[in-house]
């Protein structure tokens, strides 16, 4: 009898649309985990870049935008950042903090030829997704912790930029035209970020106007957190097996 009741409750829980969507989202992440794990500039783009001598702003603009739009780790973090931001002013403030952070470490990391282990940096980027989802779920408030959310976004922006710098440094860019190409790549990243945010904010605004948003928000952020753990797991696996 107890098992029958439990089975009915589980079936009813799984029948909720928001739970199904969350599970599908997690399955999508698992199916694309290899791509997330190896999130990098494609071999074709890499070969093209390595043949370039001198400034090529349009190519690097394209590569920067492509890297941001196809980077599931960056996209998930941005979704978490703007999930509960209802005013355009707040979106601009938080995204600006993130932009300043990743621009500093992207430019500085390449120009000063500094960096860190790519697996560890990407694992931290995965953790940034977990952190933001946990914050959105009210986890820190329940723990009695007061965290400066804007500062946290800035700090994680530094790590996201360091991850980008690591990818760019691995290309072995020519010193001829390096600054122009690097600035173009960074501008491309910002363009890609704007494109992603335009889609995400539009969809969120449409969703917030429905009755399903309030009950579904919990499951969406739970799925977001799971996605962050998946990204962390693959990067840490790569680190310990490399």
Protein backbone atom coordinates (compact mmCIF):
# COMPACT_ATOMS: atom_id res chain seq x y z
CA UNK A 1 0.00 0.00 0.00
CA UNK A 2 2.77 2.40 0.96
CA UNK A 3 4.67 1.59 -2.22
CA UNK A 4 1.54 2.17 -4.28
CA UNK A 5 0.95 5.60 -2.73
CA UNK A 6 4.62 6.53 -3.17
CA UNK A 7 4.48 5.39 -6.78
CA UNK A 8 1.44 7.57 -7.44
CA UNK A 9 3.09 10.60 -5.86
CA UNK A 10 6.25 10.12 -7.90
CA UNK A 11 4.21 9.65 -11.07
CA UNK A 12 2.26 12.81 -10.31
CA UNK A 13 5.44 14.73 -9.64
CA UNK A 14 7.03 13.54 -12.86
CA UNK A 15 3.87 14.45 -14.77
CA UNK A 16 4.38 18.13 -14.04
CA UNK A 17 5.46 19.97 -17.20
CA UNK A 18 8.19 21.91 -15.41
CA UNK A 19 9.75 18.70 -14.06
CA UNK A 20 9.68 17.09 -17.49
CA UNK A 21 11.32 20.15 -19.02
CA UNK A 22 13.98 20.15 -16.30
CA UNK A 23 14.74 16.47 -16.87
CA UNK A 24 14.91 16.99 -20.64
CA UNK A 25 17.30 19.86 -20.04
CA UNK A 26 19.57 17.65 -17.94
CA UNK A 27 19.43 14.89 -20.55
CA UNK A 28 20.37 17.44 -23.20
CA UNK A 29 23.41 18.44 -21.15
CA UNK A 30 24.46 14.83 -20.67
CA UNK A 31 24.04 14.11 -24.37
CA UNK A 32 26.18 17.11 -25.22
CA UNK A 33 28.64 16.67 -22.36
CA UNK A 34 31.47 15.80 -24.71
CA UNK A 35 30.98 19.10 -26.52
CA UNK A 36 30.81 20.97 -23.22
CA UNK A 37 33.91 19.19 -21.99
CA UNK A 38 35.88 20.05 -25.10
CA UNK A 39 34.42 23.53 -25.50
CA UNK A 40 37.14 24.98 -27.62
CA UNK A 41 37.82 26.67 -30.92
CA UNK A 42 37.23 24.13 -33.69
CA UNK A 43 40.14 22.50 -35.46
CA UNK A 44 39.15 24.24 -38.71
CA UNK A 45 39.14 27.66 -37.03
CA UNK A 46 42.36 26.80 -35.21
CA UNK A 47 44.11 25.91 -38.49
CA UNK A 48 42.89 29.14 -40.08
CA UNK A 49 44.07 31.29 -37.18
CA UNK A 50 47.52 29.69 -37.11
CA UNK A 51 48.08 30.69 -40.73
CA UNK A 52 47.35 34.36 -40.08
CA UNK A 53 50.13 36.90 -39.89
CA UNK A 54 49.07 40.43 -39.02
CA UNK A 55 45.74 42.03 -38.08
CA UNK A 56 42.56 40.10 -38.97
CA UNK A 57 39.86 41.91 -36.95
CA UNK A 58 36.80 40.49 -38.72
CA UNK A 59 37.92 36.88 -38.34
CA UNK A 60 38.62 37.31 -34.63
CA UNK A 61 35.35 39.22 -34.20
CA UNK A 62 33.57 36.19 -35.63
CA UNK A 63 35.53 33.73 -33.48
CA UNK A 64 34.77 35.69 -30.31
CA UNK A 65 31.04 35.83 -31.03
CA UNK A 66 30.97 32.15 -31.99
CA UNK A 67 32.83 31.14 -28.85
CA UNK A 68 30.32 32.92 -26.61
CA UNK A 69 27.17 31.76 -28.43
CA UNK A 70 28.28 28.10 -28.56
CA UNK A 71 29.84 28.06 -25.09
CA UNK A 72 27.23 26.26 -22.97
CA UNK A 73 29.09 27.13 -19.75
CA UNK A 74 28.95 30.87 -20.48
CA UNK A 75 25.32 30.69 -21.61
CA UNK A 76 24.17 28.81 -18.50
CA UNK A 77 25.88 31.31 -16.22
CA UNK A 78 24.24 34.24 -18.02
CA UNK A 79 20.85 32.56 -17.72
CA UNK A 80 21.40 32.23 -13.98
CA UNK A 81 22.49 35.86 -13.66
CA UNK A 82 19.43 37.37 -15.37
CA UNK A 83 16.87 34.78 -14.25
CA UNK A 84 15.31 36.97 -11.56
CA UNK A 85 16.30 40.38 -12.94
CA UNK A 86 13.10 42.16 -13.94
CA UNK A 87 14.46 45.64 -14.71
CA UNK A 88 16.65 46.46 -17.69
CA UNK A 89 18.82 48.63 -15.44
CA UNK A 90 19.67 45.63 -13.24
CA UNK A 91 20.44 43.46 -16.27
CA UNK A 92 22.83 46.13 -17.57
CA UNK A 93 24.58 46.50 -14.19
CA UNK A 94 25.16 42.79 -13.65
CA UNK A 95 26.19 42.10 -17.23
CA UNK A 96 28.58 45.07 -17.09
CA UNK A 97 30.23 43.64 -13.97
CA UNK A 98 30.61 40.30 -15.73
CA UNK A 99 31.93 41.97 -18.89
CA UNK A 100 34.54 44.02 -17.02
CA UNK A 101 35.71 40.90 -15.20
CA UNK A 102 36.16 38.63 -18.20
CA UNK A 103 37.61 41.41 -20.36
CA UNK A 104 40.34 42.11 -17.80
CA UNK A 105 41.53 38.51 -17.57
CA UNK A 106 41.06 37.78 -21.29
CA UNK A 107 43.22 40.72 -22.39
CA UNK A 108 45.65 40.48 -19.48
CA UNK A 109 46.02 36.71 -19.67
CA UNK A 110 46.99 36.74 -23.34
CA UNK A 111 49.10 39.91 -23.41
CA UNK A 112 51.01 39.00 -20.25
CA UNK A 113 51.16 35.33 -21.24
CA UNK A 114 49.72 34.18 -17.94
CA UNK A 115 47.10 31.57 -17.28
CA UNK A 116 46.16 28.46 -15.35
CA UNK A 117 45.31 24.84 -15.97
CA UNK A 118 42.38 24.89 -18.41
CA UNK A 119 40.60 21.98 -16.70
CA UNK A 120 40.64 23.71 -13.31
CA UNK A 121 39.54 27.06 -14.76
CA UNK A 122 36.69 25.42 -16.68
CA UNK A 123 35.68 23.48 -13.56
CA UNK A 124 35.45 26.80 -11.69
CA UNK A 125 33.32 28.16 -14.54
CA UNK A 126 31.04 25.14 -14.08
CA UNK A 127 30.95 25.92 -10.36
CA UNK A 128 29.88 29.48 -11.19
CA UNK A 129 26.72 28.01 -12.74
CA UNK A 130 26.11 25.92 -9.59
CA UNK A 131 26.67 28.98 -7.39
CA UNK A 132 24.22 31.18 -9.34
CA UNK A 133 21.51 28.52 -9.39
CA UNK A 134 21.96 27.93 -5.63
CA UNK A 135 21.68 31.67 -5.04
CA UNK A 136 18.52 31.85 -7.19
CA UNK A 137 17.03 29.05 -5.08
CA UNK A 138 17.60 31.13 -1.94
CA UNK A 139 20.22 28.75 -0.66
CA UNK A 140 22.54 31.38 0.81
CA UNK A 141 19.68 33.14 2.63
CA UNK A 142 18.68 29.86 4.23
CA UNK A 143 22.27 29.43 5.38
CA UNK A 144 22.26 32.95 6.79
CA UNK A 145 24.98 34.11 4.39
CA UNK A 146 24.97 37.61 2.91
CA UNK A 147 26.92 37.66 -0.34
CA UNK A 148 27.51 40.70 -2.52
CA UNK A 149 25.91 39.36 -5.69
CA UNK A 150 27.42 42.01 -7.98
CA UNK A 151 30.93 41.33 -6.65
CA UNK A 152 30.39 37.58 -7.07
CA UNK A 153 29.39 38.05 -10.71
CA UNK A 154 32.50 40.19 -11.26
CA UNK A 155 34.79 37.57 -9.68
CA UNK A 156 33.31 34.76 -11.72
CA UNK A 157 33.66 37.01 -14.76
CA UNK A 158 37.40 37.03 -14.07
CA UNK A 159 37.46 33.23 -14.23
CA UNK A 160 35.35 33.16 -17.39
CA UNK A 161 37.84 35.56 -19.00
CA UNK A 162 40.76 33.46 -17.80
CA UNK A 163 39.16 30.46 -19.47
CA UNK A 164 38.84 32.43 -22.71
CA UNK A 165 42.46 33.59 -22.43
CA UNK A 166 43.59 29.98 -22.03
CA UNK A 167 41.76 29.00 -25.23
CA UNK A 168 43.23 31.94 -27.15
CA UNK A 169 46.78 31.38 -25.86
CA UNK A 170 46.61 27.74 -26.97
CA UNK A 171 46.17 28.95 -30.55
CA UNK A 172 49.74 30.23 -30.64
CA UNK A 173 48.79 33.62 -32.10
CA UNK A 174 51.31 35.62 -34.06
CA UNK A 175 52.71 38.67 -32.29
CA UNK A 176 52.07 40.66 -35.46
CA UNK A 177 48.69 42.30 -35.00
CA UNK A 178 48.13 40.53 -31.67
CA UNK A 179 46.57 43.50 -29.85
CA UNK A 180 44.12 44.31 -32.65
CA UNK A 181 43.16 40.66 -33.04
CA UNK A 182 42.72 40.21 -29.31
CA UNK A 183 40.56 43.33 -28.95
CA UNK A 184 38.48 42.15 -31.92
CA UNK A 185 38.02 38.75 -30.27
CA UNK A 186 36.89 40.44 -27.07
CA UNK A 187 34.43 42.66 -28.95
CA UNK A 188 33.14 39.53 -30.69
CA UNK A 189 32.58 37.93 -27.30
CA UNK A 190 30.54 40.97 -26.25
CA UNK A 191 28.48 40.80 -29.45
CA UNK A 192 27.82 37.12 -28.83
CA UNK A 193 26.88 37.92 -25.25
CA UNK A 194 24.37 40.55 -26.36
CA UNK A 195 22.82 38.09 -28.83
CA UNK A 196 22.49 35.42 -26.13
CA UNK A 197 21.04 37.86 -23.62
CA UNK A 198 18.55 39.24 -26.15
CA UNK A 199 17.13 35.76 -26.64
CA UNK A 200 17.29 34.74 -22.97
CA UNK A 201 15.76 37.95 -21.58
CA UNK A 202 12.99 37.92 -24.21
CA UNK A 203 12.06 34.32 -23.41
CA UNK A 204 12.21 34.95 -19.66
CA UNK A 205 9.96 38.00 -19.97
CA UNK A 206 7.42 35.98 -21.95
CA UNK A 207 7.62 33.15 -19.42
CA UNK A 208 7.20 35.48 -16.42
CA UNK A 209 3.84 36.56 -17.82
CA UNK A 210 2.47 33.04 -17.43
CA UNK A 211 1.14 31.24 -14.35
CA UNK A 212 3.72 28.50 -14.72
CA UNK A 213 6.71 30.73 -13.97
CA UNK A 214 6.53 30.77 -10.17
CA UNK A 215 6.23 26.99 -9.69
CA UNK A 216 8.59 26.23 -12.57
CA UNK A 217 11.38 28.60 -11.49
CA UNK A 218 12.49 26.18 -8.76
CA UNK A 219 12.83 23.27 -11.18
CA UNK A 220 14.53 25.41 -13.82
CA UNK A 221 17.23 26.49 -11.37
CA UNK A 222 17.55 22.95 -10.07
CA UNK A 223 18.23 21.85 -13.65
CA UNK A 224 20.64 24.77 -14.04
CA UNK A 225 22.53 23.63 -10.94
CA UNK A 226 22.65 20.06 -12.25
CA UNK A 227 24.07 21.35 -15.51
CA UNK A 228 26.81 23.15 -13.59
CA UNK A 229 27.69 19.95 -11.72
CA UNK A 230 27.84 18.06 -15.02
CA UNK A 231 30.28 20.61 -16.43
CA UNK A 232 32.39 20.48 -13.26
CA UNK A 233 32.44 16.69 -13.30
CA UNK A 234 33.70 16.45 -16.86
CA UNK A 235 36.40 19.06 -16.36
CA UNK A 236 37.62 17.47 -13.14
CA UNK A 237 37.61 14.06 -14.81
CA UNK A 238 39.76 15.51 -17.57
CA UNK A 239 42.13 17.03 -15.01
CA UNK A 240 42.66 13.80 -13.05
CA UNK A 241 42.98 11.60 -16.14
CA UNK A 242 45.21 13.88 -18.22
